[in-house]
All heavy atoms as atom14 arrays in JSON, in Angstrom:
{
  "sequence": "TLQLGHRKVNASHAVTLWVWAAPHHVGVWASRTVFAAGDN",
  "atom14_mask": [
    [1, 1, 1, 1, 1, 1, 1, 0, 0, 0, 0, 0, 0, 0],
    [1, 1, 1, 1, 1, 1, 1, 1, 0, 0, 0, 0, 0, 0],
    [1, 1, 1, 1, 1, 1, 1, 1, 1, 0, 0, 0, 0, 0],
    [1, 1, 1, 1, 1, 1, 1, 1, 0, 0, 0, 0, 0, 0],
    [1, 1, 1, 1, 0, 0, 0, 0, 0, 0, 0, 0, 0, 0],
    [1, 1, 1, 1, 1, 1, 1, 1, 1, 1, 0, 0, 0, 0],
    [1, 1, 1, 1, 1, 1, 1, 1, 1, 1, 1, 0, 0, 0],
    [1, 1, 1, 1, 1, 1, 1, 1, 1, 0, 0, 0, 0, 0],
    [1, 1, 1, 1, 1, 1, 1, 0, 0, 0, 0, 0, 0, 0],
    [1, 1, 1, 1, 1, 1, 1, 1, 0, 0, 0, 0, 0, 0],
    [1, 1, 1, 1, 1, 0, 0, 0, 0, 0, 0, 0, 0, 0],
    [1, 1, 1, 1, 1, 1, 0, 0, 0, 0, 0, 0, 0, 0],
    [1, 1, 1, 1, 1, 1, 1, 1, 1, 1, 0, 0, 0, 0],
    [1, 1, 1, 1, 1, 0, 0, 0, 0, 0, 0, 0, 0, 0],
    [1, 1, 1, 1, 1, 1, 1, 0, 0, 0, 0, 0, 0, 0],
    [1, 1, 1, 1, 1, 1, 1, 0, 0, 0, 0, 0, 0, 0],
    [1, 1, 1, 1, 1, 1, 1, 1, 0, 0, 0, 0, 0, 0],
    [1, 1, 1, 1, 1, 1, 1, 1, 1, 1, 1, 1, 1, 1],
    [1, 1, 1, 1, 1, 1, 1, 0, 0, 0, 0, 0, 0, 0],
    [1, 1, 1, 1, 1, 1, 1, 1, 1, 1, 1, 1, 1, 1],
    [1, 1, 1, 1, 1, 0, 0, 0, 0, 0, 0, 0, 0, 0],
    [1, 1, 1, 1, 1, 0, 0, 0, 0, 0, 0, 0, 0, 0],
    [1, 1, 1, 1, 1, 1, 1, 0, 0, 0, 0, 0, 0, 0],
    [1, 1, 1, 1, 1, 1, 1, 1, 1, 1, 0, 0, 0, 0],
    [1, 1, 1, 1, 1, 1, 1, 1, 1, 1, 0, 0, 0, 0],
    [1, 1, 1, 1, 1, 1, 1, 0, 0, 0, 0, 0, 0, 0],
    [1, 1, 1, 1, 0, 0, 0, 0, 0, 0, 0, 0, 0, 0],
    [1, 1, 1, 1, 1, 1, 1, 0, 0, 0, 0, 0, 0, 0],
    [1, 1, 1, 1, 1, 1, 1, 1, 1, 1, 1, 1, 1, 1],
    [1, 1, 1, 1, 1, 0, 0, 0, 0, 0, 0, 0, 0, 0],
    [1, 1, 1, 1, 1, 1, 0, 0, 0, 0, 0, 0, 0, 0],
    [1, 1, 1, 1, 1, 1, 1, 1, 1, 1, 1, 0, 0, 0],
    [1, 1, 1, 1, 1, 1, 1, 0, 0, 0, 0, 0, 0, 0],
    [1, 1, 1, 1, 1, 1, 1, 0, 0, 0, 0, 0, 0, 0],
    [1, 1, 1, 1, 1, 1, 1, 1, 1, 1, 1, 0, 0, 0],
    [1, 1, 1, 1, 1, 0, 0, 0, 0, 0, 0, 0, 0, 0],
    [1, 1, 1, 1, 1, 0, 0, 0, 0, 0, 0, 0, 0, 0],
    [1, 1, 1, 1, 0, 0, 0, 0, 0, 0, 0, 0, 0, 0],
    [1, 1, 1, 1, 1, 1, 1, 1, 0, 0, 0, 0, 0, 0],
    [1, 1, 1, 1, 1, 1, 1, 1, 0, 0, 0, 0, 0, 0]
  ],
  "atom14_positions": [
    [[-24.3, 80.87, 2.55], [-25.08, 80.65, 1.33], [-24.4, 81.37, 0.16], [-24.2, 82.58, 0.21], [-26.51, 81.17, 1.48], [-27.15, 80.52, 2.58], [-27.32, 80.91, 0.22], [0.0, 0.0, 0.0], [0.0, 0.0, 0.0], [0.0, 0.0, 0.0], [0.0, 0.0, 0.0], [0.0, 0.0, 0.0], [0.0, 0.0, 0.0], [0.0, 0.0, 0.0]],
    [[-24.04, 80.6, -0.86], [-23.41, 81.14, -2.06], [-24.42, 81.07, -3.21], [-24.9, 79.98, -3.55], [-22.16, 80.35, -2.41], [-21.41, 80.76, -3.68], [-20.89, 82.19, -3.56], [-20.27, 79.8, -3.97], [0.0, 0.0, 0.0], [0.0, 0.0, 0.0], [0.0, 0.0, 0.0], [0.0, 0.0, 0.0], [0.0, 0.0, 0.0], [0.0, 0.0, 0.0]],
    [[-24.75, 82.24, -3.77], [-25.72, 82.31, -4.86], [-24.97, 82.23, -6.19], [-24.13, 83.07, -6.49], [-26.51, 83.61, -4.79], [-27.65, 83.71, -5.78], [-28.83, 82.81, -5.4], [-29.19, 82.73, -4.23], [-29.4, 82.12, -6.39], [0.0, 0.0, 0.0], [0.0, 0.0, 0.0], [0.0, 0.0, 0.0], [0.0, 0.0, 0.0], [0.0, 0.0, 0.0]],
    [[-25.29, 81.22, -6.98], [-24.7, 81.03, -8.32], [-25.84, 81.03, -9.34], [-26.42, 79.98, -9.66], [-23.93, 79.7, -8.39], [-22.73, 79.57, -7.43], [-22.17, 78.15, -7.47], [-21.65, 80.58, -7.79], [0.0, 0.0, 0.0], [0.0, 0.0, 0.0], [0.0, 0.0, 0.0], [0.0, 0.0, 0.0], [0.0, 0.0, 0.0], [0.0, 0.0, 0.0]],
    [[-26.18, 82.22, -9.81], [-27.31, 82.32, -10.72], [-28.58, 81.92, -10.02], [-28.98, 82.51, -9.01], [0.0, 0.0, 0.0], [0.0, 0.0, 0.0], [0.0, 0.0, 0.0], [0.0, 0.0, 0.0], [0.0, 0.0, 0.0], [0.0, 0.0, 0.0], [0.0, 0.0, 0.0], [0.0, 0.0, 0.0], [0.0, 0.0, 0.0], [0.0, 0.0, 0.0]],
    [[-29.23, 80.88, -10.55], [-30.45, 80.37, -9.92], [-30.16, 79.26, -8.92], [-31.08, 78.66, -8.37], [-31.41, 79.84, -10.99], [-31.88, 80.92, -11.93], [-32.73, 81.94, -11.55], [-31.6, 81.13, -13.25], [-32.97, 82.73, -12.57], [-32.29, 82.26, -13.63], [0.0, 0.0, 0.0], [0.0, 0.0, 0.0], [0.0, 0.0, 0.0], [0.0, 0.0, 0.0]],
    [[-28.92, 79.0, -8.7], [-28.53, 77.89, -7.82], [-27.91, 78.43, -6.55], [-27.19, 79.44, -6.56], [-27.53, 76.99, -8.55], [-27.09, 75.79, -7.74], [-26.0, 75.04, -8.47], [-25.43, 73.97, -7.67], [-24.27, 73.38, -7.89], [-23.55, 73.77, -8.95], [-23.83, 72.41, -7.11], [0.0, 0.0, 0.0], [0.0, 0.0, 0.0], [0.0, 0.0, 0.0]],
    [[-28.16, 77.75, -5.44], [-27.57, 78.12, -4.15], [-26.73, 76.96, -3.62], [-27.13, 75.8, -3.71], [-28.66, 78.45, -3.12], [-29.39, 79.76, -3.37], [-30.39, 80.03, -2.26], [-31.11, 81.36, -2.5], [-32.09, 81.64, -1.41], [0.0, 0.0, 0.0], [0.0, 0.0, 0.0], [0.0, 0.0, 0.0], [0.0, 0.0, 0.0], [0.0, 0.0, 0.0]],
    [[-25.59, 77.31, -3.1], [-24.73, 76.33, -2.43], [-24.66, 76.71, -0.95], [-24.39, 77.87, -0.62], [-23.31, 76.32, -3.04], [-22.44, 75.31, -2.32], [-23.37, 76.02, -4.53], [0.0, 0.0, 0.0], [0.0, 0.0, 0.0], [0.0, 0.0, 0.0], [0.0, 0.0, 0.0], [0.0, 0.0, 0.0], [0.0, 0.0, 0.0], [0.0, 0.0, 0.0]],
    [[-24.92, 75.75, -0.09], [-24.99, 76.02, 1.35], [-23.95, 75.21, 2.12], [-23.59, 74.09, 1.72], [-26.38, 75.67, 1.9], [-27.48, 76.49, 1.25], [-27.42, 77.71, 1.24], [-28.47, 75.81, 0.69], [0.0, 0.0, 0.0], [0.0, 0.0, 0.0], [0.0, 0.0, 0.0], [0.0, 0.0, 0.0], [0.0, 0.0, 0.0], [0.0, 0.0, 0.0]],
    [[-23.49, 75.79, 3.18], [-22.6, 75.1, 4.12], [-22.85, 75.7, 5.5], [-23.28, 76.85, 5.62], [-21.14, 75.25, 3.71], [0.0, 0.0, 0.0], [0.0, 0.0, 0.0], [0.0, 0.0, 0.0], [0.0, 0.0, 0.0], [0.0, 0.0, 0.0], [0.0, 0.0, 0.0], [0.0, 0.0, 0.0], [0.0, 0.0, 0.0], [0.0, 0.0, 0.0]],
    [[-22.56, 74.93, 6.52], [-22.79, 75.43, 7.89], [-21.77, 74.82, 8.84], [-21.14, 73.8, 8.54], [-24.21, 75.13, 8.36], [-24.41, 73.74, 8.49], [0.0, 0.0, 0.0], [0.0, 0.0, 0.0], [0.0, 0.0, 0.0], [0.0, 0.0, 0.0], [0.0, 0.0, 0.0], [0.0, 0.0, 0.0], [0.0, 0.0, 0.0], [0.0, 0.0, 0.0]],
    [[-21.66, 75.49, 9.97], [-20.75, 75.02, 11.02], [-21.35, 75.43, 12.35], [-21.99, 76.49, 12.47], [-19.36, 75.63, 10.84], [-18.38, 75.24, 11.91], [-17.97, 73.94, 12.11], [-17.73, 75.98, 12.85], [-17.11, 73.89, 13.11], [-16.95, 75.12, 13.58], [0.0, 0.0, 0.0], [0.0, 0.0, 0.0], [0.0, 0.0, 0.0], [0.0, 0.0, 0.0]],
    [[-21.17, 74.61, 13.37], [-21.74, 74.9, 14.69], [-20.69, 74.66, 15.78], [-19.83, 73.77, 15.66], [-22.97, 74.04, 14.96], [0.0, 0.0, 0.0], [0.0, 0.0, 0.0], [0.0, 0.0, 0.0], [0.0, 0.0, 0.0], [0.0, 0.0, 0.0], [0.0, 0.0, 0.0], [0.0, 0.0, 0.0], [0.0, 0.0, 0.0], [0.0, 0.0, 0.0]],
    [[-20.77, 75.46, 16.82], [-19.93, 75.27, 18.01], [-20.82, 75.37, 19.24], [-21.89, 75.98, 19.21], [-18.8, 76.32, 18.1], [-17.85, 76.2, 16.92], [-19.37, 77.73, 18.21], [0.0, 0.0, 0.0], [0.0, 0.0, 0.0], [0.0, 0.0, 0.0], [0.0, 0.0, 0.0], [0.0, 0.0, 0.0], [0.0, 0.0, 0.0], [0.0, 0.0, 0.0]],
    [[-20.37, 74.77, 20.31], [-21.09, 74.82, 21.59], [-20.45, 75.89, 22.47], [-19.23, 75.89, 22.67], [-21.06, 73.47, 22.29], [-21.69, 72.48, 21.45], [-21.82, 73.53, 23.61], [0.0, 0.0, 0.0], [0.0, 0.0, 0.0], [0.0, 0.0, 0.0], [0.0, 0.0, 0.0], [0.0, 0.0, 0.0], [0.0, 0.0, 0.0], [0.0, 0.0, 0.0]],
    [[-21.28, 76.79, 22.98], [-20.78, 77.85, 23.85], [-20.32, 77.26, 25.18], [-21.02, 76.45, 25.79], [-21.85, 78.9, 24.11], [-22.17, 79.89, 22.98], [-23.3, 80.81, 23.42], [-20.94, 80.71, 22.62], [0.0, 0.0, 0.0], [0.0, 0.0, 0.0], [0.0, 0.0, 0.0], [0.0, 0.0, 0.0], [0.0, 0.0, 0.0], [0.0, 0.0, 0.0]],
    [[-19.16, 77.68, 25.61], [-18.65, 77.33, 26.93], [-18.53, 78.64, 27.7], [-17.63, 79.43, 27.47], [-17.31, 76.64, 26.83], [-16.86, 76.08, 28.15], [-16.24, 76.76, 29.15], [-17.01, 74.74, 28.61], [-15.99, 75.93, 30.23], [-16.46, 74.68, 29.92], [-17.57, 73.59, 28.06], [-16.44, 73.51, 30.67], [-17.54, 72.42, 28.82], [-16.99, 72.39, 30.11]],
    [[-19.47, 78.88, 28.59], [-19.54, 80.14, 29.32], [-19.04, 79.95, 30.74], [-19.64, 79.21, 31.53], [-20.98, 80.7, 29.34], [-21.02, 82.02, 30.1], [-21.51, 80.89, 27.92], [0.0, 0.0, 0.0], [0.0, 0.0, 0.0], [0.0, 0.0, 0.0], [0.0, 0.0, 0.0], [0.0, 0.0, 0.0], [0.0, 0.0, 0.0], [0.0, 0.0, 0.0]],
    [[-17.93, 80.59, 31.05], [-17.43, 80.6, 32.42], [-18.27, 81.57, 33.24], [-18.7, 82.61, 32.73], [-15.97, 81.03, 32.47], [-15.04, 80.15, 31.67], [-14.48, 80.45, 30.46], [-14.57, 78.85, 32.02], [-13.7, 79.41, 30.04], [-13.73, 78.41, 30.97], [-14.78, 78.01, 33.11], [-13.1, 77.17, 30.99], [-14.15, 76.77, 33.12], [-13.32, 76.37, 32.08]],
    [[-18.49, 81.26, 34.51], [-19.35, 82.12, 35.33], [-18.9, 82.1, 36.78], [-18.58, 81.04, 37.34], [-20.81, 81.67, 35.24], [0.0, 0.0, 0.0], [0.0, 0.0, 0.0], [0.0, 0.0, 0.0], [0.0, 0.0, 0.0], [0.0, 0.0, 0.0], [0.0, 0.0, 0.0], [0.0, 0.0, 0.0], [0.0, 0.0, 0.0], [0.0, 0.0, 0.0]],
    [[-18.87, 83.28, 37.39], [-18.62, 83.39, 38.83], [-19.79, 82.76, 39.59], [-20.88, 82.59, 39.04], [-18.46, 84.86, 39.22], [0.0, 0.0, 0.0], [0.0, 0.0, 0.0], [0.0, 0.0, 0.0], [0.0, 0.0, 0.0], [0.0, 0.0, 0.0], [0.0, 0.0, 0.0], [0.0, 0.0, 0.0], [0.0, 0.0, 0.0], [0.0, 0.0, 0.0]],
    [[-19.6, 82.41, 40.85], [-20.7, 81.81, 41.63], [-21.94, 82.72, 41.64], [-21.84, 83.93, 41.82], [-20.1, 81.68, 43.03], [-18.63, 81.56, 42.8], [-18.34, 82.45, 41.64], [0.0, 0.0, 0.0], [0.0, 0.0, 0.0], [0.0, 0.0, 0.0], [0.0, 0.0, 0.0], [0.0, 0.0, 0.0], [0.0, 0.0, 0.0], [0.0, 0.0, 0.0]],
    [[-23.08, 82.11, 41.42], [-24.34, 82.83, 41.44], [-25.43, 81.91, 41.98], [-25.2, 80.72, 42.16], [-24.72, 83.34, 40.03], [-24.77, 82.26, 39.0], [-23.64, 81.74, 38.4], [-25.81, 81.59, 38.46], [-23.99, 80.8, 37.53], [-25.28, 80.68, 37.56], [0.0, 0.0, 0.0], [0.0, 0.0, 0.0], [0.0, 0.0, 0.0], [0.0, 0.0, 0.0]],
    [[-26.61, 82.49, 42.25], [-27.7, 81.75, 42.87], [-27.22, 81.02, 44.13], [-27.54, 79.85, 44.35], [-28.3, 80.74, 41.88], [-28.97, 81.38, 40.7], [-29.19, 80.7, 39.51], [-29.44, 82.63, 40.49], [-29.78, 81.52, 38.65], [-29.93, 82.69, 39.23], [0.0, 0.0, 0.0], [0.0, 0.0, 0.0], [0.0, 0.0, 0.0], [0.0, 0.0, 0.0]],
    [[-26.44, 81.73, 44.94], [-25.95, 81.15, 46.2], [-27.07, 81.22, 47.23], [-27.68, 82.28, 47.43], [-24.71, 81.91, 46.7], [-24.16, 81.25, 47.97], [-23.63, 81.97, 45.62], [0.0, 0.0, 0.0], [0.0, 0.0, 0.0], [0.0, 0.0, 0.0], [0.0, 0.0, 0.0], [0.0, 0.0, 0.0], [0.0, 0.0, 0.0], [0.0, 0.0, 0.0]],
    [[-27.37, 80.11, 47.86], [-28.45, 80.07, 48.85], [-28.07, 79.24, 50.06], [-27.36, 78.24, 49.95], [0.0, 0.0, 0.0], [0.0, 0.0, 0.0], [0.0, 0.0, 0.0], [0.0, 0.0, 0.0], [0.0, 0.0, 0.0], [0.0, 0.0, 0.0], [0.0, 0.0, 0.0], [0.0, 0.0, 0.0], [0.0, 0.0, 0.0], [0.0, 0.0, 0.0]],
    [[-28.52, 79.68, 51.24], [-28.3, 78.95, 52.49], [-29.65, 78.8, 53.19], [-30.41, 79.76, 53.26], [-27.32, 79.71, 53.42], [-27.21, 79.0, 54.77], [-25.95, 79.8, 52.78], [0.0, 0.0, 0.0], [0.0, 0.0, 0.0], [0.0, 0.0, 0.0], [0.0, 0.0, 0.0], [0.0, 0.0, 0.0], [0.0, 0.0, 0.0], [0.0, 0.0, 0.0]],
    [[-29.92, 77.63, 53.66], [-31.19, 77.42, 54.35], [-31.06, 76.31, 55.4], [-30.17, 75.46, 55.34], [-32.3, 77.07, 53.35], [-32.12, 75.75, 52.66], [-32.6, 74.53, 53.04], [-31.38, 75.53, 51.45], [-32.2, 73.56, 52.14], [-31.47, 74.14, 51.17], [-30.66, 76.35, 50.58], [-30.85, 73.57, 50.04], [-30.05, 75.78, 49.48], [-30.15, 74.42, 49.21]],
    [[-31.98, 76.36, 56.37], [-32.12, 75.33, 57.39], [-33.57, 74.91, 57.43], [-34.45, 75.59, 56.89], [-31.65, 75.85, 58.75], [0.0, 0.0, 0.0], [0.0, 0.0, 0.0], [0.0, 0.0, 0.0], [0.0, 0.0, 0.0], [0.0, 0.0, 0.0], [0.0, 0.0, 0.0], [0.0, 0.0, 0.0], [0.0, 0.0, 0.0], [0.0, 0.0, 0.0]],
    [[-33.85, 73.78, 58.09], [-35.23, 73.3, 58.18], [-36.11, 74.32, 58.88], [-37.29, 74.45, 58.59], [-35.29, 71.95, 58.9], [-34.7, 72.06, 60.19], [0.0, 0.0, 0.0], [0.0, 0.0, 0.0], [0.0, 0.0, 0.0], [0.0, 0.0, 0.0], [0.0, 0.0, 0.0], [0.0, 0.0, 0.0], [0.0, 0.0, 0.0], [0.0, 0.0, 0.0]],
    [[-35.53, 75.08, 59.8], [-36.2, 76.2, 60.47], [-35.1, 77.09, 61.04], [-33.93, 76.73, 61.02], [-37.15, 75.7, 61.57], [-36.5, 74.89, 62.68], [-37.55, 74.33, 63.63], [-36.98, 73.69, 64.8], [-36.57, 72.44, 64.84], [-36.67, 71.68, 63.76], [-36.06, 71.93, 65.98], [0.0, 0.0, 0.0], [0.0, 0.0, 0.0], [0.0, 0.0, 0.0]],
    [[-35.47, 78.25, 61.53], [-34.46, 79.19, 62.02], [-34.47, 79.35, 63.54], [-33.6, 80.01, 64.09], [-34.65, 80.58, 61.38], [-35.98, 81.04, 61.64], [-34.43, 80.52, 59.88], [0.0, 0.0, 0.0], [0.0, 0.0, 0.0], [0.0, 0.0, 0.0], [0.0, 0.0, 0.0], [0.0, 0.0, 0.0], [0.0, 0.0, 0.0], [0.0, 0.0, 0.0]],
    [[-35.46, 78.77, 64.23], [-35.52, 78.81, 65.69], [-35.5, 77.39, 66.22], [-36.35, 76.57, 65.84], [-36.77, 79.56, 66.19], [-36.8, 79.56, 67.72], [-36.8, 80.99, 65.65], [0.0, 0.0, 0.0], [0.0, 0.0, 0.0], [0.0, 0.0, 0.0], [0.0, 0.0, 0.0], [0.0, 0.0, 0.0], [0.0, 0.0, 0.0], [0.0, 0.0, 0.0]],
    [[-34.52, 77.08, 67.09], [-34.35, 75.74, 67.61], [-34.41, 75.77, 69.13], [-34.28, 76.83, 69.76], [-33.0, 75.16, 67.18], [-32.91, 74.86, 65.71], [-32.65, 75.87, 64.8], [-33.07, 73.56, 65.24], [-32.56, 75.6, 63.44], [-32.98, 73.29, 63.9], [-32.72, 74.31, 62.99], [0.0, 0.0, 0.0], [0.0, 0.0, 0.0], [0.0, 0.0, 0.0]],
    [[-34.57, 74.59, 69.71], [-34.47, 74.42, 71.16], [-33.2, 73.65, 71.46], [-32.72, 72.87, 70.64], [-35.69, 73.66, 71.69], [0.0, 0.0, 0.0], [0.0, 0.0, 0.0], [0.0, 0.0, 0.0], [0.0, 0.0, 0.0], [0.0, 0.0, 0.0], [0.0, 0.0, 0.0], [0.0, 0.0, 0.0], [0.0, 0.0, 0.0], [0.0, 0.0, 0.0]],
    [[-32.63, 73.89, 72.64], [-31.41, 73.18, 73.03], [-31.65, 71.67, 72.97], [-32.67, 71.17, 73.43], [-30.98, 73.61, 74.43], [0.0, 0.0, 0.0], [0.0, 0.0, 0.0], [0.0, 0.0, 0.0], [0.0, 0.0, 0.0], [0.0, 0.0, 0.0], [0.0, 0.0, 0.0], [0.0, 0.0, 0.0], [0.0, 0.0, 0.0], [0.0, 0.0, 0.0]],
    [[-30.71, 70.97, 72.35], [-30.84, 69.52, 72.19], [-31.33, 69.1, 70.82], [-31.27, 67.91, 70.47], [0.0, 0.0, 0.0], [0.0, 0.0, 0.0], [0.0, 0.0, 0.0], [0.0, 0.0, 0.0], [0.0, 0.0, 0.0], [0.0, 0.0, 0.0], [0.0, 0.0, 0.0], [0.0, 0.0, 0.0], [0.0, 0.0, 0.0], [0.0, 0.0, 0.0]],
    [[-31.84, 70.04, 70.02], [-32.29, 69.71, 68.66], [-31.1, 69.44, 67.76], [-29.98, 69.94, 67.97], [-33.1, 70.87, 68.06], [-34.47, 71.02, 68.69], [-34.87, 70.09, 69.42], [-35.11, 72.06, 68.48], [0.0, 0.0, 0.0], [0.0, 0.0, 0.0], [0.0, 0.0, 0.0], [0.0, 0.0, 0.0], [0.0, 0.0, 0.0], [0.0, 0.0, 0.0]],
    [[-31.32, 68.64, 66.71], [-30.33, 68.45, 65.67], [-30.43, 69.6, 64.68], [-31.52, 69.93, 64.21], [-30.53, 67.12, 64.96], [-30.29, 65.93, 65.87], [-29.56, 66.03, 66.86], [-30.9, 64.8, 65.55], [0.0, 0.0, 0.0], [0.0, 0.0, 0.0], [0.0, 0.0, 0.0], [0.0, 0.0, 0.0], [0.0, 0.0, 0.0], [0.0, 0.0, 0.0]]
  ]
}
C-alpha cells in the first residue's frame, strides 16, 4: 500500500507454499490381531 496524500495505491502478489515433509501419520492395521490357522 502506497499512501499518496489522500490517495492509496495498492498492489499484491501471492504464492502457494510447497512444504516438503518426512513421512508422518504412519499407521499399520489388520482386520483383527488374533487369527486361526487357515484364515486369510
